[in-house]
């Protein structure tokens, strides 16, 4: 699992901390075909991101997830 549970827990905490429960859907999946790569593989919308670790998770979340949430909020207004 290469640290997937750590990433899940970090994501849950960050979603809670930032008040994003209604805007972020967190779900698990099985093989994404990248098991030979280092770190955890996650999907943000249709973008597959490999090499996610507890050390770089927050940066990836802020760079890949938050802009999409902000963009979606602007489109609704």
PDB file of N, CA and C in Angstrom:
ATOM      1  N   UNK A   1       0.829  -1.205   0.000  1.00  0.00           N
ATOM      2  CA  UNK A   1       0.000   0.000   0.000  1.00  0.00           C
ATOM      3  C   UNK A   1       0.869   1.264   0.000  1.00  0.00           C
ATOM      4  N   UNK A   2       2.156   1.150   0.213  1.00  0.00           N
ATOM      5  CA  UNK A   2       3.113   2.249   0.041  1.00  0.00           C
ATOM      6  C   UNK A   2       2.761   3.527   0.790  1.00  0.00           C
ATOM      7  N   UNK A   3       2.070   3.442   1.887  1.00  0.00           N
ATOM      8  CA  UNK A   3       1.723   4.638   2.645  1.00  0.00           C
ATOM      9  C   UNK A   3       0.376   5.241   2.306  1.00  0.00           C
ATOM     10  N   UNK A   4      -0.457   4.495   1.603  1.00  0.00           N
ATOM     11  CA  UNK A   4      -1.765   5.023   1.194  1.00  0.00           C
ATOM     12  C   UNK A   4      -2.609   5.437   2.400  1.00  0.00           C
ATOM     13  N   UNK A   5      -2.552   4.651   3.473  1.00  0.00           N
ATOM     14  CA  UNK A   5      -3.366   4.995   4.648  1.00  0.00           C
ATOM     15  C   UNK A   5      -2.918   6.321   5.249  1.00  0.00           C
ATOM     16  N   UNK A   6      -1.618   6.579   5.263  1.00  0.00           N
ATOM     17  CA  UNK A   6      -1.129   7.868   5.767  1.00  0.00           C
ATOM     18  C   UNK A   6      -1.661   9.017   4.919  1.00  0.00           C
ATOM     19  N   UNK A   7      -1.663   8.833   3.602  1.00  0.00           N
ATOM     20  CA  UNK A   7      -2.153   9.868   2.696  1.00  0.00           C
ATOM     21  C   UNK A   7      -3.654  10.088   2.910  1.00  0.00           C
ATOM     22  N   UNK A   8      -4.397   9.011   3.064  1.00  0.00           N
ATOM     23  CA  UNK A   8      -5.840   9.123   3.313  1.00  0.00           C
ATOM     24  C   UNK A   8      -6.103   9.924   4.585  1.00  0.00           C
ATOM     25  N   UNK A   9      -5.388   9.597   5.648  1.00  0.00           N
ATOM     26  CA  UNK A   9      -5.596  10.296   6.919  1.00  0.00           C
ATOM     27  C   UNK A   9      -5.199  11.769   6.811  1.00  0.00           C
ATOM     28  N   UNK A  10      -4.107  12.052   6.128  1.00  0.00           N
ATOM     29  CA  UNK A  10      -3.713  13.451   5.934  1.00  0.00           C
ATOM     30  C   UNK A  10      -4.776  14.203   5.143  1.00  0.00           C
ATOM     31  N   UNK A  11      -5.292  13.563   4.118  1.00  0.00           N
ATOM     32  CA  UNK A  11      -6.318  14.197   3.288  1.00  0.00           C
ATOM     33  C   UNK A  11      -7.581  14.466   4.104  1.00  0.00           C
ATOM     34  N   UNK A  12      -8.006  13.502   4.877  1.00  0.00           N
ATOM     35  CA  UNK A  12      -9.194  13.686   5.722  1.00  0.00           C
ATOM     36  C   UNK A  12      -9.000  14.862   6.684  1.00  0.00           C
ATOM     37  N   UNK A  13      -7.824  14.933   7.310  1.00  0.00           N
ATOM     38  CA  UNK A  13      -7.548  16.025   8.250  1.00  0.00           C
ATOM     39  C   UNK A  13      -7.543  17.377   7.540  1.00  0.00           C
ATOM     40  N   UNK A  14      -6.931  17.430   6.360  1.00  0.00           N
ATOM     41  CA  UNK A  14      -6.848  18.685   5.626  1.00  0.00           C
ATOM     42  C   UNK A  14      -8.219  19.136   5.133  1.00  0.00           C
ATOM     43  N   UNK A  15      -9.019  18.213   4.651  1.00  0.00           N
ATOM     44  CA  UNK A  15     -10.385  18.538   4.225  1.00  0.00           C
ATOM     45  C   UNK A  15     -11.175  19.117   5.397  1.00  0.00           C
ATOM     46  N   UNK A  16     -11.044  18.492   6.548  1.00  0.00           N
ATOM     47  CA  UNK A  16     -11.724  18.972   7.760  1.00  0.00           C
ATOM     48  C   UNK A  16     -11.197  20.349   8.161  1.00  0.00           C
ATOM     49  N   UNK A  17      -9.884  20.488   8.211  1.00  0.00           N
ATOM     50  CA  UNK A  17      -9.234  21.727   8.624  1.00  0.00           C
ATOM     51  C   UNK A  17      -9.649  22.909   7.742  1.00  0.00           C
ATOM     52  N   UNK A  18      -9.774  22.669   6.442  1.00  0.00           N
ATOM     53  CA  UNK A  18     -10.099  23.734   5.503  1.00  0.00           C
ATOM     54  C   UNK A  18     -11.596  23.883   5.235  1.00  0.00           C
ATOM     55  N   UNK A  19     -12.415  23.045   5.888  1.00  0.00           N
ATOM     56  CA  UNK A  19     -13.866  23.133   5.719  1.00  0.00           C
ATOM     57  C   UNK A  19     -14.323  22.789   4.311  1.00  0.00           C
ATOM     58  N   UNK A  20     -13.747  21.746   3.729  1.00  0.00           N
ATOM     59  CA  UNK A  20     -14.033  21.392   2.338  1.00  0.00           C
ATOM     60  C   UNK A  20     -14.857  20.121   2.172  1.00  0.00           C
ATOM     61  N   UNK A  21     -15.501  19.665   3.238  1.00  0.00           N
ATOM     62  CA  UNK A  21     -16.242  18.397   3.163  1.00  0.00           C
ATOM     63  C   UNK A  21     -17.257  18.342   2.036  1.00  0.00           C
ATOM     64  N   UNK A  22     -17.913  19.438   1.763  1.00  0.00           N
ATOM     65  CA  UNK A  22     -18.936  19.434   0.723  1.00  0.00           C
ATOM     66  C   UNK A  22     -18.360  19.624  -0.678  1.00  0.00           C
ATOM     67  N   UNK A  23     -17.058  19.883  -0.769  1.00  0.00           N
ATOM     68  CA  UNK A  23     -16.449  20.179  -2.062  1.00  0.00           C
ATOM     69  C   UNK A  23     -15.447  19.127  -2.542  1.00  0.00           C
ATOM     70  N   UNK A  24     -15.019  18.240  -1.659  1.00  0.00           N
ATOM     71  CA  UNK A  24     -14.025  17.236  -2.018  1.00  0.00           C
ATOM     72  C   UNK A  24     -14.598  15.854  -1.773  1.00  0.00           C
ATOM     73  N   UNK A  25     -14.548  15.021  -2.786  1.00  0.00           N
ATOM     74  CA  UNK A  25     -14.966  13.626  -2.651  1.00  0.00           C
ATOM     75  C   UNK A  25     -13.712  12.767  -2.549  1.00  0.00           C
ATOM     76  N   UNK A  26     -13.574  12.086  -1.440  1.00  0.00           N
ATOM     77  CA  UNK A  26     -12.423  11.221  -1.200  1.00  0.00           C
ATOM     78  C   UNK A  26     -12.892   9.783  -1.287  1.00  0.00           C
ATOM     79  N   UNK A  27     -12.276   9.022  -2.177  1.00  0.00           N
ATOM     80  CA  UNK A  27     -12.641   7.614  -2.286  1.00  0.00           C
ATOM     81  C   UNK A  27     -11.420   6.813  -2.697  1.00  0.00           C
ATOM     82  N   UNK A  28     -11.445   5.542  -2.357  1.00  0.00           N
ATOM     83  CA  UNK A  28     -10.342   4.647  -2.674  1.00  0.00           C
ATOM     84  C   UNK A  28     -10.555   3.939  -3.995  1.00  0.00           C
ATOM     85  N   UNK A  29      -9.464   3.447  -4.523  1.00  0.00           N
ATOM     86  CA  UNK A  29      -9.514   2.672  -5.748  1.00  0.00           C
ATOM     87  C   UNK A  29      -8.402   1.633  -5.696  1.00  0.00           C
ATOM     88  N   UNK A  30      -8.504   0.675  -6.558  1.00  0.00           N
ATOM     89  CA  UNK A  30      -7.448  -0.325  -6.630  1.00  0.00           C
ATOM     90  C   UNK A  30      -6.463   0.088  -7.699  1.00  0.00           C
ATOM     91  N   UNK A  31      -5.897  -0.809  -8.376  1.00  0.00           N
ATOM     92  CA  UNK A  31      -4.772  -0.589  -9.275  1.00  0.00           C
ATOM     93  C   UNK A  31      -4.999   0.528 -10.294  1.00  0.00           C
ATOM     94  N   UNK A  32      -4.019   1.425 -10.346  1.00  0.00           N
ATOM     95  CA  UNK A  32      -4.002   2.470 -11.359  1.00  0.00           C
ATOM     96  C   UNK A  32      -2.865   2.223 -12.351  1.00  0.00           C
ATOM     97  N   UNK A  33      -2.240   1.046 -12.235  1.00  0.00           N
ATOM     98  CA  UNK A  33      -1.188   0.668 -13.167  1.00  0.00           C
ATOM     99  C   UNK A  33       0.145   1.342 -12.937  1.00  0.00           C
ATOM    100  N   UNK A  34       0.363   1.849 -11.749  1.00  0.00           N
ATOM    101  CA  UNK A  34       1.613   2.565 -11.464  1.00  0.00           C
ATOM    102  C   UNK A  34       2.318   2.015 -10.225  1.00  0.00           C
ATOM    103  N   UNK A  35       2.144   0.752  -9.972  1.00  0.00           N
ATOM    104  CA  UNK A  35       2.683   0.139  -8.750  1.00  0.00           C
ATOM    105  C   UNK A  35       4.206   0.128  -8.689  1.00  0.00           C
ATOM    106  N   UNK A  36       4.873   0.238  -9.808  1.00  0.00           N
ATOM    107  CA  UNK A  36       6.334   0.211  -9.799  1.00  0.00           C
ATOM    108  C   UNK A  36       6.930   1.580  -9.472  1.00  0.00           C
ATOM    109  N   UNK A  37       6.118   2.619  -9.444  1.00  0.00           N
ATOM    110  CA  UNK A  37       6.611   3.962  -9.146  1.00  0.00           C
ATOM    111  C   UNK A  37       6.655   4.187  -7.641  1.00  0.00           C
ATOM    112  N   UNK A  38       7.536   5.063  -7.205  1.00  0.00           N
ATOM    113  CA  UNK A  38       7.648   5.379  -5.787  1.00  0.00           C
ATOM    114  C   UNK A  38       6.422   6.133  -5.304  1.00  0.00           C
ATOM    115  N   UNK A  39       6.119   5.948  -4.029  1.00  0.00           N
ATOM    116  CA  UNK A  39       5.034   6.694  -3.405  1.00  0.00           C
ATOM    117  C   UNK A  39       3.658   6.179  -3.777  1.00  0.00           C
ATOM    118  N   UNK A  40       2.679   6.934  -3.358  1.00  0.00           N
ATOM    119  CA  UNK A  40       1.275   6.621  -3.568  1.00  0.00           C
ATOM    120  C   UNK A  40       0.813   7.320  -4.846  1.00  0.00           C
ATOM    121  N   UNK A  41      -0.097   6.686  -5.549  1.00  0.00           N
ATOM    122  CA  UNK A  41      -0.686   7.294  -6.747  1.00  0.00           C
ATOM    123  C   UNK A  41      -2.098   7.744  -6.406  1.00  0.00           C
ATOM    124  N   UNK A  42      -2.416   8.983  -6.755  1.00  0.00           N
ATOM    125  CA  UNK A  42      -3.749   9.533  -6.520  1.00  0.00           C
ATOM    126  C   UNK A  42      -4.279  10.113  -7.827  1.00  0.00           C
ATOM    127  N   UNK A  43      -5.589  10.276  -7.875  1.00  0.00           N
ATOM    128  CA  UNK A  43      -6.232  10.876  -9.042  1.00  0.00           C
ATOM    129  C   UNK A  43      -6.980  12.121  -8.579  1.00  0.00           C
ATOM    130  N   UNK A  44      -6.726  13.228  -9.246  1.00  0.00           N
ATOM    131  CA  UNK A  44      -7.438  14.481  -8.994  1.00  0.00           C
ATOM    132  C   UNK A  44      -8.157  14.801 -10.284  1.00  0.00           C
ATOM    133  N   UNK A  45      -9.483  14.726 -10.236  1.00  0.00           N
ATOM    134  CA  UNK A  45     -10.304  14.756 -11.441  1.00  0.00           C
ATOM    135  C   UNK A  45      -9.801  13.623 -12.329  1.00  0.00           C
ATOM    136  N   UNK A  46      -9.300  13.892 -13.493  1.00  0.00           N
ATOM    137  CA  UNK A  46      -8.805  12.823 -14.361  1.00  0.00           C
ATOM    138  C   UNK A  46      -7.284  12.782 -14.410  1.00  0.00           C
ATOM    139  N   UNK A  47      -6.622  13.578 -13.607  1.00  0.00           N
ATOM    140  CA  UNK A  47      -5.161  13.637 -13.614  1.00  0.00           C
ATOM    141  C   UNK A  47      -4.591  12.629 -12.609  1.00  0.00           C
ATOM    142  N   UNK A  48      -3.728  11.741 -13.090  1.00  0.00           N
ATOM    143  CA  UNK A  48      -3.087  10.743 -12.236  1.00  0.00           C
ATOM    144  C   UNK A  48      -1.756  11.308 -11.761  1.00  0.00           C
ATOM    145  N   UNK A  49      -1.581  11.317 -10.443  1.00  0.00           N
ATOM    146  CA  UNK A  49      -0.373  11.856  -9.827  1.00  0.00           C
ATOM    147  C   UNK A  49       0.335  10.740  -9.066  1.00  0.00           C
ATOM    148  N   UNK A  50       1.571  10.475  -9.398  1.00  0.00           N
ATOM    149  CA  UNK A  50       2.360   9.455  -8.713  1.00  0.00           C
ATOM    150  C   UNK A  50       3.398  10.118  -7.827  1.00  0.00           C
ATOM    151  N   UNK A  51       3.951   9.340  -6.915  1.00  0.00           N
ATOM    152  CA  UNK A  51       5.006   9.844  -6.054  1.00  0.00           C
ATOM    153  C   UNK A  51       4.520  10.662  -4.886  1.00  0.00           C
ATOM    154  N   UNK A  52       3.251  10.518  -4.530  1.00  0.00           N
ATOM    155  CA  UNK A  52       2.699  11.259  -3.399  1.00  0.00           C
ATOM    156  C   UNK A  52       3.177  10.590  -2.115  1.00  0.00           C
ATOM    157  N   UNK A  53       3.673  11.406  -1.193  1.00  0.00           N
ATOM    158  CA  UNK A  53       4.174  10.895   0.081  1.00  0.00           C
ATOM    159  C   UNK A  53       3.633  11.779   1.205  1.00  0.00           C
ATOM    160  N   UNK A  54       3.759  11.312   2.447  1.00  0.00           N
ATOM    161  CA  UNK A  54       3.330  12.163   3.565  1.00  0.00           C
ATOM    162  C   UNK A  54       4.064  13.511   3.577  1.00  0.00           C
ATOM    163  N   UNK A  55       5.287  13.516   3.096  1.00  0.00           N
ATOM    164  CA  UNK A  55       6.085  14.745   3.095  1.00  0.00           C
ATOM    165  C   UNK A  55       5.632  15.744   2.035  1.00  0.00           C
ATOM    166  N   UNK A  56       5.121  15.288   0.900  1.00  0.00           N
ATOM    167  CA  UNK A  56       4.743  16.230  -0.158  1.00  0.00           C
ATOM    168  C   UNK A  56       3.230  16.330  -0.370  1.00  0.00           C
ATOM    169  N   UNK A  57       2.454  15.615   0.435  1.00  0.00           N
ATOM    170  CA  UNK A  57       1.006  15.602   0.221  1.00  0.00           C
ATOM    171  C   UNK A  57       0.380  16.987   0.291  1.00  0.00           C
ATOM    172  N   UNK A  58       0.676  17.741   1.333  1.00  0.00           N
ATOM    173  CA  UNK A  58       0.034  19.056   1.496  1.00  0.00           C
ATOM    174  C   UNK A  58       0.343  19.967   0.311  1.00  0.00           C
ATOM    175  N   UNK A  59       1.590  19.964  -0.139  1.00  0.00           N
ATOM    176  CA  UNK A  59       1.975  20.779  -1.296  1.00  0.00           C
ATOM    177  C   UNK A  59       1.173  20.374  -2.539  1.00  0.00           C
ATOM    178  N   UNK A  60       1.049  19.073  -2.758  1.00  0.00           N
ATOM    179  CA  UNK A  60       0.286  18.577  -3.909  1.00  0.00           C
ATOM    180  C   UNK A  60      -1.185  18.972  -3.782  1.00  0.00           C
ATOM    181  N   UNK A  61      -1.743  18.834  -2.592  1.00  0.00           N
ATOM    182  CA  UNK A  61      -3.141  19.219  -2.361  1.00  0.00           C
ATOM    183  C   UNK A  61      -3.338  20.698  -2.674  1.00  0.00           C
ATOM    184  N   UNK A  62      -2.428  21.530  -2.180  1.00  0.00           N
ATOM    185  CA  UNK A  62      -2.546  22.972  -2.389  1.00  0.00           C
ATOM    186  C   UNK A  62      -2.347  23.356  -3.855  1.00  0.00           C
ATOM    187  N   UNK A  63      -1.521  22.610  -4.564  1.00  0.00           N
ATOM    188  CA  UNK A  63      -1.209  22.930  -5.960  1.00  0.00           C
ATOM    189  C   UNK A  63      -2.215  22.335  -6.943  1.00  0.00           C
ATOM    190  N   UNK A  64      -2.777  21.165  -6.613  1.00  0.00           N
ATOM    191  CA  UNK A  64      -3.636  20.459  -7.563  1.00  0.00           C
ATOM    192  C   UNK A  64      -5.120  20.474  -7.208  1.00  0.00           C
ATOM    193  N   UNK A  65      -5.449  20.455  -5.922  1.00  0.00           N
ATOM    194  CA  UNK A  65      -6.851  20.365  -5.508  1.00  0.00           C
ATOM    195  C   UNK A  65      -7.450  21.748  -5.244  1.00  0.00           C
ATOM    196  N   UNK A  66      -6.799  22.543  -4.434  1.00  0.00           N
ATOM    197  CA  UNK A  66      -7.367  23.846  -4.065  1.00  0.00           C
ATOM    198  C   UNK A  66      -7.677  24.741  -5.263  1.00  0.00           C
ATOM    199  N   UNK A  67      -6.796  24.850  -6.272  1.00  0.00           N
ATOM    200  CA  UNK A  67      -7.154  25.690  -7.422  1.00  0.00           C
ATOM    201  C   UNK A  67      -8.418  25.214  -8.133  1.00  0.00           C
ATOM    202  N   UNK A  68      -8.640  23.924  -8.187  1.00  0.00           N
ATOM    203  CA  UNK A  68      -9.842  23.397  -8.847  1.00  0.00           C
ATOM    204  C   UNK A  68     -11.089  23.735  -8.041  1.00  0.00           C
ATOM    205  N   UNK A  69     -10.977  23.705  -6.734  1.00  0.00           N
ATOM    206  CA  UNK A  69     -12.103  24.081  -5.873  1.00  0.00           C
ATOM    207  C   UNK A  69     -12.403  25.564  -6.051  1.00  0.00           C
ATOM    208  N   UNK A  70     -11.357  26.381  -6.042  1.00  0.00           N
ATOM    209  CA  UNK A  70     -11.533  27.829  -6.204  1.00  0.00           C
ATOM    210  C   UNK A  70     -12.117  28.143  -7.575  1.00  0.00           C
ATOM    211  N   UNK A  71     -11.659  27.452  -8.600  1.00  0.00           N
ATOM    212  CA  UNK A  71     -12.178  27.652  -9.947  1.00  0.00           C
ATOM    213  C   UNK A  71     -13.655  27.283 -10.011  1.00  0.00           C
ATOM    214  N   UNK A  72     -14.029  26.179  -9.385  1.00  0.00           N
ATOM    215  CA  UNK A  72     -15.421  25.759  -9.350  1.00  0.00           C
ATOM    216  C   UNK A  72     -16.300  26.754  -8.606  1.00  0.00           C
ATOM    217  N   UNK A  73     -15.787  27.348  -7.549  1.00  0.00           N
ATOM    218  CA  UNK A  73     -16.538  28.353  -6.807  1.00  0.00           C
ATOM    219  C   UNK A  73     -16.780  29.589  -7.646  1.00  0.00           C
ATOM    220  N   UNK A  74     -15.786  29.995  -8.411  1.00  0.00           N
ATOM    221  CA  UNK A  74     -15.941  31.181  -9.273  1.00  0.00           C
ATOM    222  C   UNK A  74     -16.967  30.917 -10.378  1.00  0.00           C
ATOM    223  N   UNK A  75     -16.965  29.697 -10.909  1.00  0.00           N
ATOM    224  CA  UNK A  75     -17.895  29.369 -11.988  1.00  0.00           C
ATOM    225  C   UNK A  75     -19.342  29.361 -11.518  1.00  0.00           C
ATOM    226  N   UNK A  76     -19.578  29.066 -10.236  1.00  0.00           N
ATOM    227  CA  UNK A  76     -20.938  29.026  -9.707  1.00  0.00           C
ATOM    228  C   UNK A  76     -21.493  30.416  -9.438  1.00  0.00           C
ATOM    229  N   UNK A  77     -20.603  31.413  -9.337  1.00  0.00           N
ATOM    230  CA  UNK A  77     -21.067  32.787  -9.032  1.00  0.00           C
ATOM    231  C   UNK A  77     -21.272  33.561 -10.290  1.00  0.00           C
TER     232      UNK A  77
END
